Structure formats: structure tokens, C-alpha cells
Amino acid sequence: MSFYVIGMGVIVPLLVSLVLVAWIHPYIVRMALLKDIVDNPDARKLQKNPVPVLGGFAVYWGLVVGVGLTSMFFNSYALFTSIVAITVMMYVGILDDILGLSPTLRLVLEMAFIGFVIWMDQVSINNLHGLLGIYDIPLYWSVPICIFGGVGIINSINMIDGVDGLSSGFCVMACAIFGTAFFLSKDGTMTVLAALCLGSLLPFFFHNVFGQKSKMFIGDGGTLMMGMVMTIFVMHIIDRGSRVTYNFPNLGAIAFPLSVLSVPVFDTLRVMTGRIMKGISPFHADKSHLHHLFIEMGFSHIGTTFCVLSLNFFNVLCWLATYQLGGGAMYQLVVVVFVGFMITTGFYYVVRRLNHEHWPYKALKQMAKWSHVETGPMFYWVRRMVDKW
């Protein structure tokens, strides 16, 4: 591919959105503090002080303004539907952060705008690409499956937002992986969207992880918005007209995106199933997520984020190895599902039952001690640099 294609489709949108978010971030922090739009600490939350929760708005600014500024290089109208759906999710999340919305209203709006994307772009989970011998799925099945799956993805991204850098770091990784697949398959529209999201998330990620004065949480506005982005990516990969599956015909169209989203999806399934078995709402907030387990063992926020993202990336590598070794769609899916359960449900319950006097648990505790880089000089140097932006 020519340097021009790489620059216009990847480098320009990435840099434009990165600069936009880096510029506006401090202003949004000031506004959130001035108007008291903050997340206050309580018994369930891990922070000790109030933290602004408008990080999602900063990411949105870079994404949407980035679309406008880069429209001279590509047909920005192709992203119209995505931008509308992302905008609605961002506002729904911010309203939830500030006023508190009922789970039912959020659910209805999520379903409605996934349906909006399906209708406008004529794209959905409408083909299994040979998995179990199934190809095209009838409309009356594909639409409910797509809406159900999309709602699951959106809420799984929302539910992993528990420690510094986790949800934004995960979305950075997912955008990079999905964006690479779209780029290699010459899907210019989705490549640009992935590059814009990646550029918008990176400055926020550094402020969220390292910042003190500039620290913000991404909030529900950011997680619902990025959950919608992930849903759109998955729809474009699985759709019968997918350029990814056209250019890589042996790629497991279900297994690939599931491997990228493995920790949010499988951990959310475990948590929700556990809540239902206890007779409580699956949306009831508690401390039973995978990242809470690492925090309880003494891992820092950075250490927890690194471990969770590493587990997720391990599943991507397992899928990639299966694909490269010639495994069919079913083999790829079996590997991804097995590894997904092992790195979430299996890992969670095994660690919970470890004898604290035996070496495996002591090894994890030692790793937890090593994870506290927040006390080191390098961390404080990065913090000073970030807070000066």
C-alpha cells in the first residue's frame, strides 16, 4: 500500500484527533470541577477523592471534530450513521453520570440506536460465514441477534470501567487490532473510524493513568460511546458484505471479534450469571469483576490494567495462532471460548480458592508488590509531564 493511503487513512486522522483531545482536555477538567460534575468516592468505588467524569466528552470531541477536519481526504458522509449513534450514546451516558437514568431507559435507547445503525447502513450480524454450515441468516433472526449482541457489548465495555486506564486501555487495544484488520482488508471507512478513536483515546488514557490535577474518568458517556463503536466494528466484520472476511476467507468472523472482546464479554457473563443466581439484578453494582480480584490481591491500578489487558491479548494470540495454523471457523471459536472462560471465570475462581500459604498465591502477591510503580521516580516524572499539558 502506498504511503499516501497509509497517511490519509491512518496517520492523519490519528494525529488530528490526538491533538484535538490533548488541547481540550484541561478545559473540560476545569469545567467539570467548576460545575461539580464529579464521581464521588463511596464504599464500592476505588478512588479516595472526587474525580471529574467528563472524559468521554473529551474523547467525543476528538472523534467528531476529527471526522470534520479529515473530511477533505475521505467521504465523511460514510460515517454519518456511526457519528449519530455515537453522539446519542455519549449524551445518554453523560445524563446518566449527572442525573442517573433507569437501566430500562438506557437499554431501550441502546437497542433503538443499534437498530438505527442496522437500518441506515444495512449492516448487521447476518452471516455466520460457514460456522456450523450456516451462511446467510434471515432478517427476522439477524436483527434480534445483532441488537442482543450489541447491547451485550456496550454494557460489557461499561462494566469493566473500574480502575484507572482499564476501559480506555482496552478500547485502545481493540481499536488498534480492529483497525489493523480493516486496513489490511482495505475498508477505508472503518479504518478511519478506528484511527480517530485511537487518537482520541490515547491522550485521555495518559491523563487517566498518570494525571493528578488533570485526571478524569471516562464516565458512562465514554464507555457507552466506545461500546457502540465496538458494536459497529463487530457488525462490519460479521456482515455478509464484510471486506475483512472477503479478503481473509478462512478468518473466523465470530471468533476474531470475540477474542478481541474476550475479557469484557466473558467476565460480564460470569458476573451477571452470579448475580442472577443470588436473586439480584444483573445490573446491580458490586465488586465481583476480574479487576476487583486483582485490586483485592494488592495490585496497583496500573498493575491491574496491565494484567487484565494481557489476559485479553493472550486470547487474541491464541485465536491468531489457531487461524495461522489453518484451524477452521469452528476450531477458532472453540479455542476463543475455552480461553475466554479460562482467563475470566476459571482464573477468578481458582485464585479465590488458592491457599494463601502456598506458592501460587504468594507469587501473585509478589507480583502485586512489583506493580506499585506509582511510588517510583519515573511515574512522578510522567505525571508532571502529563499535568503540564
Protein backbone atom coordinates (compact mmCIF):
# COMPACT_ATOMS: atom_id res chain seq x y z
CA MET A 1 0.00 0.00 0.00
CA SER A 2 1.23 3.50 -0.79
CA PHE A 3 2.37 5.90 1.90
CA TYR A 4 -0.42 8.24 0.78
CA VAL A 5 -3.07 5.62 1.59
CA ILE A 6 -1.50 4.91 4.98
CA GLY A 7 -1.20 8.62 5.75
CA MET A 8 -4.69 9.65 4.72
CA GLY A 9 -6.42 6.63 6.22
CA VAL A 10 -4.42 6.19 9.43
CA ILE A 11 -1.80 8.79 10.32
CA VAL A 12 -3.75 11.98 9.56
CA PRO A 13 -6.98 11.06 11.43
CA LEU A 14 -4.97 9.61 14.33
CA LEU A 15 -2.82 12.71 14.75
CA VAL A 16 -5.68 15.17 14.24
CA SER A 17 -7.87 13.53 16.88
CA LEU A 18 -4.92 13.13 19.28
CA VAL A 19 -4.06 16.85 19.09
CA LEU A 20 -7.71 17.86 19.47
CA VAL A 21 -8.18 15.85 22.68
CA ALA A 22 -4.80 16.88 24.11
CA TRP A 23 -5.81 20.53 23.61
CA ILE A 24 -9.33 20.40 25.03
CA HIS A 25 -8.73 18.00 27.94
CA PRO A 26 -7.61 20.60 30.55
CA TYR A 27 -10.56 22.87 29.73
CA ILE A 28 -13.05 20.05 30.28
CA VAL A 29 -11.36 19.18 33.59
CA ARG A 30 -11.82 22.78 34.76
CA MET A 31 -15.45 22.85 33.62
CA ALA A 32 -16.25 19.57 35.39
CA LEU A 33 -14.67 20.77 38.65
CA LEU A 34 -16.37 24.18 38.41
CA LYS A 35 -19.82 22.61 37.88
CA ASP A 36 -19.15 19.75 40.33
CA ILE A 37 -19.61 17.08 37.64
CA VAL A 38 -17.51 14.55 39.54
CA ASP A 39 -17.54 10.96 40.70
CA ASN A 40 -17.54 11.00 44.49
CA PRO A 41 -15.89 8.15 46.43
CA ASP A 42 -18.09 5.62 48.25
CA ALA A 43 -17.84 2.10 49.67
CA ARG A 44 -17.91 0.45 46.22
CA LYS A 45 -15.56 2.79 44.37
CA LEU A 46 -11.79 2.67 44.46
CA GLN A 47 -10.81 6.35 44.35
CA LYS A 48 -10.29 8.41 47.51
CA ASN A 49 -11.15 11.85 46.10
CA PRO A 50 -13.81 13.28 43.73
CA VAL A 51 -12.75 12.91 40.09
CA PRO A 52 -14.30 14.66 37.04
CA VAL A 53 -16.34 12.28 34.88
CA LEU A 54 -16.44 14.08 31.52
CA GLY A 55 -13.58 12.19 29.92
CA GLY A 56 -16.00 10.71 27.41
CA PHE A 57 -16.83 14.21 26.18
CA ALA A 58 -13.12 14.89 25.52
CA VAL A 59 -12.85 11.67 23.51
CA TYR A 60 -16.04 12.56 21.64
CA TRP A 61 -14.64 15.98 20.73
CA GLY A 62 -11.56 14.45 19.14
CA LEU A 63 -13.61 11.85 17.30
CA VAL A 64 -16.33 14.08 15.85
CA VAL A 65 -14.27 17.19 15.13
CA GLY A 66 -11.61 14.86 13.73
CA VAL A 67 -14.16 13.50 11.26
CA GLY A 68 -14.89 17.03 10.10
CA LEU A 69 -11.25 18.10 9.78
CA THR A 70 -10.20 14.99 7.89
CA SER A 71 -13.23 15.04 5.58
CA MET A 72 -11.10 16.64 2.85
CA PHE A 73 -9.28 13.32 2.50
CA PHE A 74 -12.22 10.89 2.60
CA ASN A 75 -16.00 10.83 2.26
CA SER A 76 -17.08 11.78 5.79
CA TYR A 77 -20.73 11.09 4.95
CA ALA A 78 -19.88 7.38 5.13
CA LEU A 79 -19.53 7.85 8.91
CA PHE A 80 -22.78 9.79 9.34
CA THR A 81 -24.74 6.90 10.86
CA SER A 82 -21.91 5.95 13.19
CA ILE A 83 -21.50 9.52 14.41
CA VAL A 84 -25.23 9.86 15.14
CA ALA A 85 -25.29 6.62 17.15
CA ILE A 86 -22.07 7.53 18.99
CA THR A 87 -23.42 11.01 19.79
CA VAL A 88 -26.64 9.63 21.29
CA MET A 89 -24.73 7.12 23.41
CA MET A 90 -22.37 9.82 24.64
CA TYR A 91 -25.26 12.05 25.74
CA VAL A 92 -27.14 9.14 27.32
CA GLY A 93 -24.04 8.27 29.32
CA ILE A 94 -23.40 11.85 30.44
CA LEU A 95 -27.03 12.24 31.52
CA ASP A 96 -26.65 9.01 33.46
CA ASP A 97 -23.43 10.30 35.09
CA ILE A 98 -25.06 13.59 36.12
CA LEU A 99 -28.75 12.78 36.69
CA GLY A 100 -28.91 9.00 36.84
CA LEU A 101 -31.08 7.17 34.30
CA SER A 102 -33.02 3.97 34.82
CA PRO A 103 -31.40 0.81 33.40
CA THR A 104 -34.58 0.23 31.37
CA LEU A 105 -34.36 3.60 29.60
CA ARG A 106 -30.68 3.05 28.83
CA LEU A 107 -31.43 -0.40 27.48
CA VAL A 108 -34.25 0.86 25.24
CA LEU A 109 -32.05 3.63 23.81
CA GLU A 110 -29.18 1.23 23.18
CA MET A 111 -31.50 -1.15 21.32
CA ALA A 112 -33.08 1.67 19.34
CA PHE A 113 -29.79 3.07 18.05
CA ILE A 114 -28.29 -0.28 17.25
CA GLY A 115 -31.44 -0.75 15.16
CA PHE A 116 -30.82 2.69 13.65
CA VAL A 117 -27.32 1.62 12.52
CA ILE A 118 -28.71 -1.62 11.07
CA TRP A 119 -31.41 0.26 9.13
CA MET A 120 -29.26 3.11 7.86
CA ASP A 121 -26.10 1.24 6.92
CA GLN A 122 -27.72 -2.09 6.05
CA VAL A 123 -25.09 -3.87 8.11
CA SER A 124 -25.59 -6.45 10.86
CA ILE A 125 -24.74 -9.91 12.16
CA ASN A 126 -26.46 -11.53 9.18
CA ASN A 127 -23.97 -14.22 8.15
CA LEU A 128 -22.05 -16.87 10.11
CA HIS A 129 -19.61 -17.36 7.20
CA GLY A 130 -19.82 -21.15 7.28
CA LEU A 131 -19.77 -21.67 11.05
CA LEU A 132 -21.83 -24.84 11.72
CA GLY A 133 -22.51 -24.83 7.98
CA ILE A 134 -24.55 -21.63 8.27
CA TYR A 135 -24.10 -18.68 5.95
CA ASP A 136 -26.87 -16.09 5.43
CA ILE A 137 -29.24 -15.57 8.38
CA PRO A 138 -32.84 -14.41 7.72
CA LEU A 139 -33.62 -10.81 8.63
CA TYR A 140 -36.08 -11.82 11.37
CA TRP A 141 -33.21 -13.64 13.12
CA SER A 142 -30.26 -11.41 12.28
CA VAL A 143 -31.76 -8.18 13.63
CA PRO A 144 -32.63 -9.54 17.12
CA ILE A 145 -29.26 -11.33 17.31
CA CYS A 146 -27.45 -8.13 16.36
CA ILE A 147 -29.37 -5.98 18.84
CA PHE A 148 -28.90 -8.53 21.64
CA GLY A 149 -25.19 -8.87 20.89
CA GLY A 150 -24.72 -5.11 20.57
CA VAL A 151 -26.40 -4.39 23.90
CA GLY A 152 -24.14 -7.02 25.46
CA ILE A 153 -21.01 -5.44 24.02
CA ILE A 154 -21.99 -1.90 25.06
CA ASN A 155 -22.72 -2.91 28.64
CA SER A 156 -19.66 -5.16 28.92
CA ILE A 157 -17.42 -2.20 27.99
CA ASN A 158 -19.29 -0.11 30.55
CA MET A 159 -18.85 -2.70 33.29
CA ILE A 160 -15.05 -3.03 33.02
CA ASP A 161 -14.62 0.67 33.79
CA GLY A 162 -13.43 0.08 37.33
CA VAL A 163 -9.75 1.04 37.58
CA ASP A 164 -7.57 3.70 36.02
CA GLY A 165 -6.81 3.06 32.37
CA LEU A 166 -8.72 -0.21 32.07
CA SER A 167 -11.67 0.69 29.84
CA SER A 168 -9.72 3.27 27.80
CA GLY A 169 -6.68 0.97 27.59
CA PHE A 170 -8.87 -1.88 26.44
CA CYS A 171 -10.51 0.30 23.77
CA VAL A 172 -7.07 1.49 22.61
CA MET A 173 -6.03 -2.14 22.14
CA ALA A 174 -9.31 -3.10 20.45
CA CYS A 175 -9.24 -0.12 18.07
CA ALA A 176 -5.64 -0.93 17.12
CA ILE A 177 -6.48 -4.59 16.40
CA PHE A 178 -9.76 -3.95 14.59
CA GLY A 179 -8.21 -1.02 12.74
CA THR A 180 -5.36 -3.22 11.51
CA ALA A 181 -7.86 -5.78 10.20
CA PHE A 182 -9.89 -3.08 8.42
CA PHE A 183 -6.74 -1.50 6.98
CA LEU A 184 -5.38 -4.79 5.63
CA SER A 185 -8.76 -5.56 4.07
CA LYS A 186 -8.99 -2.06 2.50
CA ASP A 187 -12.11 -0.99 4.41
CA GLY A 188 -11.30 2.72 4.39
CA THR A 189 -14.34 3.94 6.33
CA MET A 190 -13.81 1.65 9.32
CA THR A 191 -10.04 2.21 9.20
CA VAL A 192 -10.57 5.96 9.57
CA LEU A 193 -13.06 5.45 12.41
CA ALA A 194 -10.61 3.17 14.24
CA ALA A 195 -7.75 5.66 13.75
CA LEU A 196 -9.88 8.56 15.02
CA CYS A 197 -10.92 6.58 18.09
CA LEU A 198 -7.35 5.51 18.78
CA GLY A 199 -6.05 9.07 18.53
CA SER A 200 -8.86 10.40 20.73
CA LEU A 201 -8.33 7.76 23.43
CA LEU A 202 -4.55 7.99 23.81
CA PRO A 203 -4.33 11.46 25.47
CA PHE A 204 -7.23 10.60 27.77
CA PHE A 205 -5.57 7.29 28.71
CA PHE A 206 -2.36 9.05 29.81
CA HIS A 207 -4.27 11.65 31.85
CA ASN A 208 -6.43 8.94 33.42
CA VAL A 209 -3.46 6.75 34.39
CA PHE A 210 -0.77 9.29 35.25
CA GLY A 211 -2.55 12.58 35.84
CA GLN A 212 -3.22 14.10 39.23
CA LYS A 213 -4.52 17.61 38.52
CA SER A 214 -5.60 16.57 35.01
CA LYS A 215 -7.16 13.23 35.94
CA MET A 216 -10.63 12.44 34.61
CA PHE A 217 -12.77 9.33 34.44
CA ILE A 218 -14.20 8.42 31.05
CA GLY A 219 -17.64 8.01 32.67
CA ASP A 220 -20.69 6.31 31.25
CA GLY A 221 -20.63 8.85 28.43
CA GLY A 222 -17.32 7.44 27.25
CA THR A 223 -17.96 3.75 27.89
CA LEU A 224 -21.39 3.71 26.20
CA MET A 225 -19.96 5.64 23.26
CA MET A 226 -17.00 3.27 22.87
CA GLY A 227 -19.28 0.29 23.37
CA MET A 228 -21.29 1.49 20.38
CA VAL A 229 -18.06 1.87 18.38
CA MET A 230 -17.07 -1.72 19.22
CA THR A 231 -20.55 -2.88 18.19
CA ILE A 232 -20.23 -1.11 14.84
CA PHE A 233 -16.82 -2.72 14.28
CA VAL A 234 -18.21 -6.19 15.03
CA MET A 235 -21.18 -5.65 12.72
CA HIS A 236 -18.87 -4.64 9.87
CA ILE A 237 -16.69 -7.71 10.40
CA ILE A 238 -19.53 -10.25 10.53
CA ASP A 239 -21.84 -8.70 7.90
CA ARG A 240 -22.25 -10.69 4.67
CA GLY A 241 -20.61 -7.81 2.78
CA SER A 242 -17.61 -7.63 5.13
CA ARG A 243 -14.37 -6.73 3.42
CA VAL A 244 -12.46 -8.44 6.25
CA THR A 245 -13.95 -11.87 5.58
CA TYR A 246 -13.79 -11.28 1.81
CA ASN A 247 -10.04 -10.63 1.93
CA PHE A 248 -9.37 -13.26 4.62
CA PRO A 249 -11.87 -16.04 3.79
CA ASN A 250 -10.54 -18.52 6.40
CA LEU A 251 -10.79 -15.99 9.23
CA GLY A 252 -13.37 -16.93 11.86
CA ALA A 253 -15.74 -13.99 11.61
CA ILE A 254 -17.25 -14.79 15.03
CA ALA A 255 -14.06 -15.97 16.75
CA PHE A 256 -11.92 -12.96 15.79
CA PRO A 257 -14.04 -10.16 17.31
CA LEU A 258 -14.90 -12.37 20.29
CA SER A 259 -11.19 -12.84 21.02
CA VAL A 260 -10.66 -9.06 20.93
CA LEU A 261 -13.62 -8.51 23.30
CA SER A 262 -13.00 -11.61 25.41
CA VAL A 263 -12.42 -10.19 28.90
CA PRO A 264 -15.36 -7.73 28.84
CA VAL A 265 -17.73 -10.32 27.34
CA PHE A 266 -16.79 -13.40 29.37
CA ASP A 267 -16.26 -11.52 32.64
CA THR A 268 -19.62 -9.78 32.26
CA LEU A 269 -21.32 -13.14 31.58
CA ARG A 270 -19.77 -14.57 34.74
CA VAL A 271 -20.70 -11.57 36.89
CA MET A 272 -24.28 -11.32 35.60
CA THR A 273 -24.85 -15.06 35.96
CA GLY A 274 -23.58 -14.91 39.54
CA ARG A 275 -25.89 -12.03 40.38
CA ILE A 276 -28.92 -13.78 38.88
CA MET A 277 -28.11 -16.96 40.83
CA LYS A 278 -28.07 -14.84 44.00
CA GLY A 279 -31.52 -13.49 43.13
CA ILE A 280 -30.40 -9.91 42.49
CA SER A 281 -30.49 -7.73 39.39
CA PRO A 282 -27.76 -8.49 36.84
CA PHE A 283 -27.16 -4.72 36.69
CA HIS A 284 -26.64 -4.42 40.46
CA ALA A 285 -23.19 -2.91 41.04
CA ASP A 286 -20.76 -4.90 43.19
CA LYS A 287 -17.08 -5.83 43.44
CA SER A 288 -17.12 -9.19 41.68
CA HIS A 289 -15.36 -8.25 38.43
CA LEU A 290 -11.96 -9.59 37.43
CA HIS A 291 -10.28 -6.25 38.05
CA HIS A 292 -11.63 -6.22 41.61
CA LEU A 293 -9.86 -9.54 42.23
CA PHE A 294 -6.51 -8.02 41.27
CA ILE A 295 -7.14 -4.96 43.46
CA GLU A 296 -8.02 -7.20 46.43
CA MET A 297 -4.73 -9.08 46.00
CA GLY A 298 -2.90 -5.76 46.30
CA PHE A 299 -2.21 -4.90 42.66
CA SER A 300 -2.00 -1.22 41.78
CA HIS A 301 -4.36 0.29 39.22
CA ILE A 302 -1.60 0.20 36.62
CA GLY A 303 -0.75 -3.39 37.53
CA THR A 304 -4.40 -4.42 37.37
CA THR A 305 -4.88 -2.80 33.98
CA PHE A 306 -1.72 -4.41 32.64
CA CYS A 307 -2.72 -7.88 33.88
CA VAL A 308 -6.30 -7.73 32.58
CA LEU A 309 -5.24 -6.40 29.17
CA SER A 310 -2.50 -9.04 28.99
CA LEU A 311 -5.04 -11.80 29.64
CA ASN A 312 -7.25 -10.38 26.90
CA PHE A 313 -4.34 -10.10 24.46
CA PHE A 314 -3.37 -13.70 25.25
CA ASN A 315 -6.74 -14.81 23.88
CA VAL A 316 -6.15 -12.77 20.71
CA LEU A 317 -2.79 -14.53 20.29
CA CYS A 318 -4.44 -17.92 20.81
CA TRP A 319 -7.00 -17.09 18.12
CA LEU A 320 -4.28 -15.84 15.77
CA ALA A 321 -2.20 -19.00 16.27
CA THR A 322 -5.23 -21.20 15.54
CA TYR A 323 -6.01 -19.18 12.40
CA GLN A 324 -2.40 -19.22 11.17
CA LEU A 325 -2.18 -22.99 11.73
CA GLY A 326 -5.16 -23.49 9.43
CA GLY A 327 -7.89 -24.07 12.00
CA GLY A 328 -11.37 -23.60 10.58
CA ALA A 329 -14.03 -21.22 11.87
CA MET A 330 -15.34 -23.76 14.39
CA TYR A 331 -11.88 -24.58 15.76
CA GLN A 332 -11.11 -20.87 16.12
CA LEU A 333 -14.37 -20.30 18.02
CA VAL A 334 -13.81 -23.28 20.34
CA VAL A 335 -10.31 -22.03 21.20
CA VAL A 336 -11.52 -18.47 21.83
CA VAL A 337 -14.46 -19.56 24.01
CA PHE A 338 -12.31 -22.00 26.01
CA VAL A 339 -9.52 -19.48 26.60
CA GLY A 340 -12.08 -16.74 27.31
CA PHE A 341 -13.69 -18.76 30.08
CA MET A 342 -10.31 -19.82 31.48
CA ILE A 343 -8.88 -16.27 31.71
CA THR A 344 -12.03 -14.92 33.37
CA THR A 345 -14.22 -17.49 35.13
CA GLY A 346 -11.51 -20.12 35.58
CA PHE A 347 -8.86 -17.67 36.76
CA TYR A 348 -11.27 -15.85 39.08
CA TYR A 349 -12.50 -18.91 40.94
CA VAL A 350 -9.12 -20.66 41.06
CA VAL A 351 -7.48 -17.61 42.64
CA ARG A 352 -10.39 -17.23 45.06
CA ARG A 353 -9.78 -20.78 46.28
CA LEU A 354 -5.98 -20.66 46.47
CA ASN A 355 -4.41 -21.41 49.83
CA HIS A 356 -2.76 -18.17 50.90
CA GLU A 357 0.17 -20.11 52.33
CA HIS A 358 1.04 -21.90 49.09
CA TRP A 359 3.48 -20.60 46.47
CA PRO A 360 0.99 -19.74 43.66
CA TYR A 361 -0.82 -17.21 45.83
CA LYS A 362 2.46 -15.89 47.26
CA ALA A 363 3.77 -15.45 43.72
CA LEU A 364 0.70 -13.38 42.81
CA LYS A 365 1.17 -11.28 45.95
CA GLN A 366 4.79 -10.66 44.99
CA MET A 367 3.68 -9.56 41.52
CA ALA A 368 1.19 -7.24 43.22
CA LYS A 369 4.03 -5.59 45.15
CA TRP A 370 6.07 -5.13 41.97
CA SER A 371 3.08 -3.48 40.28
CA HIS A 372 3.21 -0.39 42.51
CA VAL A 373 5.19 1.79 40.16
CA GLU A 374 3.26 4.86 41.34
CA THR A 375 5.91 5.40 44.02
CA GLY A 376 8.82 5.42 41.57
CA PRO A 377 10.61 8.48 40.12
CA MET A 378 9.67 7.59 36.53
CA PHE A 379 5.97 7.65 37.37
CA TYR A 380 6.25 11.08 39.02
CA TRP A 381 8.20 12.40 36.03
CA VAL A 382 5.47 11.21 33.64
CA ARG A 383 2.81 12.68 35.97
CA ARG A 384 4.49 16.10 35.90
CA MET A 385 4.68 15.98 32.09
CA VAL A 386 1.04 14.93 31.74
CA ASP A 387 -0.25 17.54 34.20
CA LYS A 388 1.56 20.25 32.26
CA TRP A 389 -0.35 19.50 29.03
